[in-house]
Protein backbone atom coordinates (compact mmCIF):
# COMPACT_ATOMS: atom_id res chain seq x y z
CA UNK A 1 79.77 -199.11 -118.84
CA UNK A 2 83.37 -200.26 -118.96
CA UNK A 3 83.99 -200.20 -115.22
CA UNK A 4 83.31 -198.28 -112.01
CA UNK A 5 86.55 -196.34 -112.25
CA UNK A 6 85.65 -194.89 -115.64
CA UNK A 7 82.17 -193.97 -114.42
CA UNK A 8 83.65 -192.20 -111.38
CA UNK A 9 86.13 -190.30 -113.56
CA UNK A 10 83.34 -189.20 -115.88
CA UNK A 11 81.18 -187.98 -112.99
CA UNK A 12 84.13 -186.13 -111.47
CA UNK A 13 84.97 -184.50 -114.79
CA UNK A 14 81.40 -183.34 -115.39
CA UNK A 15 81.08 -182.03 -111.85
CA UNK A 16 84.41 -180.18 -112.12
CA UNK A 17 83.14 -178.39 -115.23
CA UNK A 18 79.89 -177.54 -113.47
CA UNK A 19 81.80 -176.25 -110.45
CA UNK A 20 83.93 -174.03 -112.68
CA UNK A 21 80.82 -172.57 -114.29
CA UNK A 22 79.21 -172.02 -110.89
CA UNK A 23 82.34 -170.26 -109.63
CA UNK A 24 82.41 -168.02 -112.68
CA UNK A 25 78.73 -167.23 -112.23
CA UNK A 26 79.23 -166.39 -108.56
CA UNK A 27 82.23 -164.16 -109.28
CA UNK A 28 80.92 -162.34 -112.34
CA UNK A 29 77.17 -162.70 -112.09
CA UNK A 30 74.68 -160.46 -110.35
CA UNK A 31 72.90 -163.17 -108.37
CA UNK A 32 75.66 -164.52 -106.13
CA UNK A 33 73.36 -166.33 -103.68
CA UNK A 34 71.76 -168.57 -106.27
CA UNK A 35 75.15 -169.26 -107.87
CA UNK A 36 76.50 -170.36 -104.50
CA UNK A 37 73.43 -172.56 -103.99
CA UNK A 38 74.14 -174.20 -107.36
CA UNK A 39 77.75 -174.66 -106.29
CA UNK A 40 76.60 -176.46 -103.17
CA UNK A 41 74.12 -178.62 -105.08
CA UNK A 42 76.85 -179.60 -107.56
CA UNK A 43 79.11 -180.70 -104.72
CA UNK A 44 76.31 -182.72 -103.18
CA UNK A 45 75.51 -184.27 -106.57
CA UNK A 46 79.10 -185.39 -107.00
CA UNK A 47 79.37 -186.78 -103.49
CA UNK A 48 76.07 -188.62 -103.69
CA UNK A 49 76.71 -190.32 -107.01
CA UNK A 50 80.31 -191.32 -106.25
CA UNK A 51 79.05 -192.93 -103.05
CA UNK A 52 76.23 -194.69 -104.91
CA UNK A 53 78.70 -196.15 -107.41
CA UNK A 54 80.79 -197.67 -104.64
CA UNK A 55 77.81 -199.21 -102.84
CA UNK A 56 75.21 -200.58 -105.29
CA UNK A 57 71.71 -201.64 -104.23
CA UNK A 58 71.61 -205.28 -103.08
CA UNK A 59 69.27 -207.54 -105.01
CA UNK A 60 69.12 -205.30 -108.09
CA UNK A 61 70.87 -206.44 -111.28
CA UNK A 62 74.09 -204.48 -111.75
CA UNK A 63 73.40 -203.54 -115.36
CA UNK A 64 69.99 -202.08 -114.49
CA UNK A 65 71.33 -200.30 -111.42
CA UNK A 66 74.15 -198.52 -113.24
CA UNK A 67 71.92 -197.66 -116.20
CA UNK A 68 69.37 -195.92 -113.97
CA UNK A 69 72.21 -194.31 -112.01
CA UNK A 70 73.63 -192.76 -115.20
CA UNK A 71 70.21 -191.61 -116.37
CA UNK A 72 69.45 -189.97 -113.02
CA UNK A 73 72.86 -188.28 -112.94
CA UNK A 74 72.40 -186.87 -116.44
CA UNK A 75 68.94 -185.58 -115.51
CA UNK A 76 70.18 -183.83 -112.37
CA UNK A 77 73.25 -182.41 -114.11
CA UNK A 78 71.03 -181.08 -116.91
CA UNK A 79 68.82 -179.45 -114.31
CA UNK A 80 71.83 -177.66 -112.81
CA UNK A 81 72.95 -176.56 -116.28
CA UNK A 82 69.49 -175.15 -116.98
CA UNK A 83 69.58 -173.22 -113.72
CA UNK A 84 73.04 -171.89 -114.58
CA UNK A 85 71.77 -170.68 -117.94
CA UNK A 86 69.00 -168.70 -116.28
CA UNK A 87 71.43 -166.79 -114.01
């Protein structure tokens, strides 16, 4: 990790792409309710992880904290992508 700013930009960029896909799915898909639920979960994902970057856990080594943070974000983003693919 280079710095917090780069990590925040990366999370924002990934979430923007996910939001665009969710919007397209809600506009053109048949299951609008689940697409809107994915839209909401993407917004919550972005908000949660940006907040967690700004306020790390006290007492935990920074390198370990940010490594697990990235791994958890990738796992949750992949879960949203899988749900989008099933729409």
